[in-house]
Amino acid sequence: MGIPDENVPMFVAHLVLGIFATAVWVLCIPIFDASFPSHIHAWIVTELCLAALETLYAVWASIVDARDPTFYERKSETFFVVDIVFIIMNTATAVTGAAYWRNGERERQLIFDAVVILSWLTLLTVVLITGQDKVKMSSS
């Protein structure tokens, strides 16, 4: 039994979210103990925690997408609220990360800059998922 056709767009979007979020926290780990100022270190910790939450959410949502064609019709408002919370949190970390842009020449600065770029890509993915949730809610 494959993924229900109506869940394929959500499955792909959640899969992409999982990939971006996992890449963020994997890249945050090597710069976690870097000699950045304390405000940048706090941003790294916040981004690491947010990415870990989004990875768990994406894995769970992908499993639901693959198995249950009626789940979103029953829980679409809850998903919409969770997506809005993730948008707010991602906007805060992406904008703050852009303000802390290191314009890296050294390896850890380059990794930090890559995390900031992935943070923006994660934000765009969550916005896309929110739009898909809104469409699902309006079609129900």
C-alpha atoms as a PDB file:
ATOM      1  CA  MET A   1       0.000   0.000   0.000  1.00  0.00           C
ATOM      2  CA  GLY A   2       1.496   3.327  -1.077  1.00  0.00           C
ATOM      3  CA  ILE A   3       1.015   6.871   0.046  1.00  0.00           C
ATOM      4  CA  PRO A   4      -2.559   8.074  -0.603  1.00  0.00           C
ATOM      5  CA  ASP A   5      -2.550  10.381  -3.644  1.00  0.00           C
ATOM      6  CA  GLU A   6      -4.129  13.281  -1.754  1.00  0.00           C
ATOM      7  CA  ASN A   7      -1.320  13.161   0.841  1.00  0.00           C
ATOM      8  CA  VAL A   8       1.631  13.162  -1.572  1.00  0.00           C
ATOM      9  CA  PRO A   9       2.164  16.981  -1.558  1.00  0.00           C
ATOM     10  CA  MET A  10       2.082  17.091   2.243  1.00  0.00           C
ATOM     11  CA  PHE A  11       4.355  14.039   2.463  1.00  0.00           C
ATOM     12  CA  VAL A  12       6.939  15.659   0.192  1.00  0.00           C
ATOM     13  CA  ALA A  13       6.740  18.979   2.060  1.00  0.00           C
ATOM     14  CA  HIS A  14       7.175  17.272   5.430  1.00  0.00           C
ATOM     15  CA  LEU A  15      10.061  15.237   4.035  1.00  0.00           C
ATOM     16  CA  VAL A  16      11.786  18.419   2.810  1.00  0.00           C
ATOM     17  CA  LEU A  17      11.189  20.043   6.214  1.00  0.00           C
ATOM     18  CA  GLY A  18      12.771  17.026   7.877  1.00  0.00           C
ATOM     19  CA  ILE A  19      15.821  17.223   5.614  1.00  0.00           C
ATOM     20  CA  PHE A  20      16.358  20.961   6.207  1.00  0.00           C
ATOM     21  CA  ALA A  21      15.732  20.733   9.962  1.00  0.00           C
ATOM     22  CA  THR A  22      18.060  17.756  10.329  1.00  0.00           C
ATOM     23  CA  ALA A  23      20.763  19.567   8.368  1.00  0.00           C
ATOM     24  CA  VAL A  24      20.398  22.569  10.689  1.00  0.00           C
ATOM     25  CA  TRP A  25      20.872  20.651  13.918  1.00  0.00           C
ATOM     26  CA  VAL A  26      23.635  18.497  12.450  1.00  0.00           C
ATOM     27  CA  LEU A  27      25.505  21.674  11.470  1.00  0.00           C
ATOM     28  CA  CYS A  28      24.809  23.338  14.831  1.00  0.00           C
ATOM     29  CA  ILE A  29      26.575  20.569  16.746  1.00  0.00           C
ATOM     30  CA  PRO A  30      30.152  21.304  15.520  1.00  0.00           C
ATOM     31  CA  ILE A  31      29.796  25.049  16.206  1.00  0.00           C
ATOM     32  CA  PHE A  32      28.069  24.530  19.566  1.00  0.00           C
ATOM     33  CA  ASP A  33      31.322  24.954  21.486  1.00  0.00           C
ATOM     34  CA  ALA A  34      32.854  27.553  19.157  1.00  0.00           C
ATOM     35  CA  SER A  35      34.234  30.739  20.607  1.00  0.00           C
ATOM     36  CA  PHE A  36      31.326  32.888  19.478  1.00  0.00           C
ATOM     37  CA  PRO A  37      30.013  35.678  21.713  1.00  0.00           C
ATOM     38  CA  SER A  38      27.308  34.620  24.189  1.00  0.00           C
ATOM     39  CA  HIS A  39      24.410  36.107  22.196  1.00  0.00           C
ATOM     40  CA  ILE A  40      25.420  34.086  19.118  1.00  0.00           C
ATOM     41  CA  HIS A  41      25.896  30.982  21.242  1.00  0.00           C
ATOM     42  CA  ALA A  42      22.342  31.494  22.584  1.00  0.00           C
ATOM     43  CA  TRP A  43      21.092  31.722  18.985  1.00  0.00           C
ATOM     44  CA  ILE A  44      22.848  28.453  18.122  1.00  0.00           C
ATOM     45  CA  VAL A  45      21.236  26.710  21.109  1.00  0.00           C
ATOM     46  CA  THR A  46      17.801  28.083  20.179  1.00  0.00           C
ATOM     47  CA  GLU A  47      18.206  27.073  16.530  1.00  0.00           C
ATOM     48  CA  LEU A  48      19.423  23.614  17.546  1.00  0.00           C
ATOM     49  CA  CYS A  49      16.366  23.040  19.764  1.00  0.00           C
ATOM     50  CA  LEU A  50      13.947  24.394  17.153  1.00  0.00           C
ATOM     51  CA  ALA A  51      15.493  22.222  14.434  1.00  0.00           C
ATOM     52  CA  ALA A  52      15.283  19.138  16.642  1.00  0.00           C
ATOM     53  CA  LEU A  53      11.576  19.821  17.286  1.00  0.00           C
ATOM     54  CA  GLU A  54      10.933  20.355  13.585  1.00  0.00           C
ATOM     55  CA  THR A  55      12.748  17.137  12.719  1.00  0.00           C
ATOM     56  CA  LEU A  56      10.554  15.169  15.123  1.00  0.00           C
ATOM     57  CA  TYR A  57       7.439  16.902  13.785  1.00  0.00           C
ATOM     58  CA  ALA A  58       8.446  16.220  10.171  1.00  0.00           C
ATOM     59  CA  VAL A  59       9.139  12.527  10.815  1.00  0.00           C
ATOM     60  CA  TRP A  60       5.828  12.079  12.622  1.00  0.00           C
ATOM     61  CA  ALA A  61       3.875  14.033   9.983  1.00  0.00           C
ATOM     62  CA  SER A  62       5.530  12.068   7.158  1.00  0.00           C
ATOM     63  CA  ILE A  63       4.499   8.801   8.792  1.00  0.00           C
ATOM     64  CA  VAL A  64       0.938  10.089   9.179  1.00  0.00           C
ATOM     65  CA  ASP A  65       0.936  11.291   5.539  1.00  0.00           C
ATOM     66  CA  ALA A  66       2.033   7.867   4.354  1.00  0.00           C
ATOM     67  CA  ARG A  67      -0.569   5.908   6.307  1.00  0.00           C
ATOM     68  CA  ASP A  68      -3.745   7.855   7.084  1.00  0.00           C
ATOM     69  CA  PRO A  69      -5.639   9.675   4.295  1.00  0.00           C
ATOM     70  CA  THR A  70      -8.233  11.126   6.699  1.00  0.00           C
ATOM     71  CA  PHE A  71      -5.978  12.423   9.477  1.00  0.00           C
ATOM     72  CA  TYR A  72      -5.660  15.981   8.133  1.00  0.00           C
ATOM     73  CA  GLU A  73      -9.377  16.315   7.618  1.00  0.00           C
ATOM     74  CA  ARG A  74      -9.817  15.470  11.297  1.00  0.00           C
ATOM     75  CA  LYS A  75      -6.897  17.498  12.696  1.00  0.00           C
ATOM     76  CA  SER A  76      -6.183  20.236  10.128  1.00  0.00           C
ATOM     77  CA  GLU A  77      -6.847  23.116  12.555  1.00  0.00           C
ATOM     78  CA  THR A  78      -4.302  21.706  15.011  1.00  0.00           C
ATOM     79  CA  PHE A  79      -1.690  21.355  12.278  1.00  0.00           C
ATOM     80  CA  PHE A  80      -2.419  24.908  11.151  1.00  0.00           C
ATOM     81  CA  VAL A  81      -1.802  26.255  14.664  1.00  0.00           C
ATOM     82  CA  VAL A  82       1.430  24.248  15.015  1.00  0.00           C
ATOM     83  CA  ASP A  83       2.580  25.575  11.628  1.00  0.00           C
ATOM     84  CA  ILE A  84       1.868  29.169  12.704  1.00  0.00           C
ATOM     85  CA  VAL A  85       3.904  28.639  15.884  1.00  0.00           C
ATOM     86  CA  PHE A  86       6.779  27.222  13.808  1.00  0.00           C
ATOM     87  CA  ILE A  87       6.540  30.192  11.396  1.00  0.00           C
ATOM     88  CA  ILE A  88       6.825  32.660  14.279  1.00  0.00           C
ATOM     89  CA  MET A  89       9.749  30.801  15.844  1.00  0.00           C
ATOM     90  CA  ASN A  90      11.510  30.310  12.491  1.00  0.00           C
ATOM     91  CA  THR A  91      11.050  33.956  11.548  1.00  0.00           C
ATOM     92  CA  ALA A  92      12.641  35.014  14.820  1.00  0.00           C
ATOM     93  CA  THR A  93      15.632  32.712  14.430  1.00  0.00           C
ATOM     94  CA  ALA A  94      16.098  33.387  10.695  1.00  0.00           C
ATOM     95  CA  VAL A  95      16.001  37.173  11.078  1.00  0.00           C
ATOM     96  CA  THR A  96      18.234  37.104  14.146  1.00  0.00           C
ATOM     97  CA  GLY A  97      20.643  34.729  12.402  1.00  0.00           C
ATOM     98  CA  ALA A  98      20.802  37.083   9.422  1.00  0.00           C
ATOM     99  CA  ALA A  99      21.638  39.929  11.798  1.00  0.00           C
ATOM    100  CA  TYR A 100      24.481  37.817  13.232  1.00  0.00           C
ATOM    101  CA  TRP A 101      25.782  36.878   9.762  1.00  0.00           C
ATOM    102  CA  ARG A 102      29.489  36.089  10.137  1.00  0.00           C
ATOM    103  CA  ASN A 103      30.547  36.510   6.493  1.00  0.00           C
ATOM    104  CA  GLY A 104      32.777  33.603   7.284  1.00  0.00           C
ATOM    105  CA  GLU A 105      36.296  33.012   6.216  1.00  0.00           C
ATOM    106  CA  ARG A 106      37.053  30.383   8.816  1.00  0.00           C
ATOM    107  CA  GLU A 107      35.360  26.989   8.883  1.00  0.00           C
ATOM    108  CA  ARG A 108      33.112  27.629  11.898  1.00  0.00           C
ATOM    109  CA  GLN A 109      31.956  30.960  10.480  1.00  0.00           C
ATOM    110  CA  LEU A 110      31.091  29.261   7.187  1.00  0.00           C
ATOM    111  CA  ILE A 111      29.114  26.593   9.054  1.00  0.00           C
ATOM    112  CA  PHE A 112      27.276  29.305  10.978  1.00  0.00           C
ATOM    113  CA  ASP A 113      26.393  31.067   7.710  1.00  0.00           C
ATOM    114  CA  ALA A 114      25.162  27.755   6.262  1.00  0.00           C
ATOM    115  CA  VAL A 115      22.927  27.275   9.312  1.00  0.00           C
ATOM    116  CA  VAL A 116      21.445  30.744   8.759  1.00  0.00           C
ATOM    117  CA  ILE A 117      20.703  29.923   5.101  1.00  0.00           C
ATOM    118  CA  LEU A 118      19.116  26.597   6.093  1.00  0.00           C
ATOM    119  CA  SER A 119      17.082  28.437   8.719  1.00  0.00           C
ATOM    120  CA  TRP A 120      15.575  30.595   5.969  1.00  0.00           C
ATOM    121  CA  LEU A 121      14.909  27.537   3.791  1.00  0.00           C
ATOM    122  CA  THR A 122      13.195  25.845   6.731  1.00  0.00           C
ATOM    123  CA  LEU A 123      11.053  28.950   7.225  1.00  0.00           C
ATOM    124  CA  LEU A 124      10.003  28.888   3.563  1.00  0.00           C
ATOM    125  CA  THR A 125       9.151  25.196   3.813  1.00  0.00           C
ATOM    126  CA  VAL A 126       6.979  25.754   6.894  1.00  0.00           C
ATOM    127  CA  VAL A 127       5.199  28.618   5.087  1.00  0.00           C
ATOM    128  CA  LEU A 128       4.521  26.236   2.180  1.00  0.00           C
ATOM    129  CA  ILE A 129       3.178  23.584   4.557  1.00  0.00           C
ATOM    130  CA  THR A 130       0.951  26.181   6.231  1.00  0.00           C
ATOM    131  CA  GLY A 131      -0.455  27.127   2.838  1.00  0.00           C
ATOM    132  CA  GLN A 132      -1.153  23.470   2.094  1.00  0.00           C
ATOM    133  CA  ASP A 133      -2.870  23.107   5.476  1.00  0.00           C
ATOM    134  CA  LYS A 134      -5.018  26.163   4.717  1.00  0.00           C
ATOM    135  CA  VAL A 135      -6.054  24.652   1.381  1.00  0.00           C
ATOM    136  CA  LYS A 136      -6.874  21.320   3.068  1.00  0.00           C
ATOM    137  CA  MET A 137      -8.937  23.137   5.707  1.00  0.00           C
ATOM    138  CA  SER A 138     -10.906  25.091   3.136  1.00  0.00           C
ATOM    139  CA  SER A 139     -11.618  21.985   1.031  1.00  0.00           C
ATOM    140  CA  SER A 140     -12.934  20.035   4.033  1.00  0.00           C
END
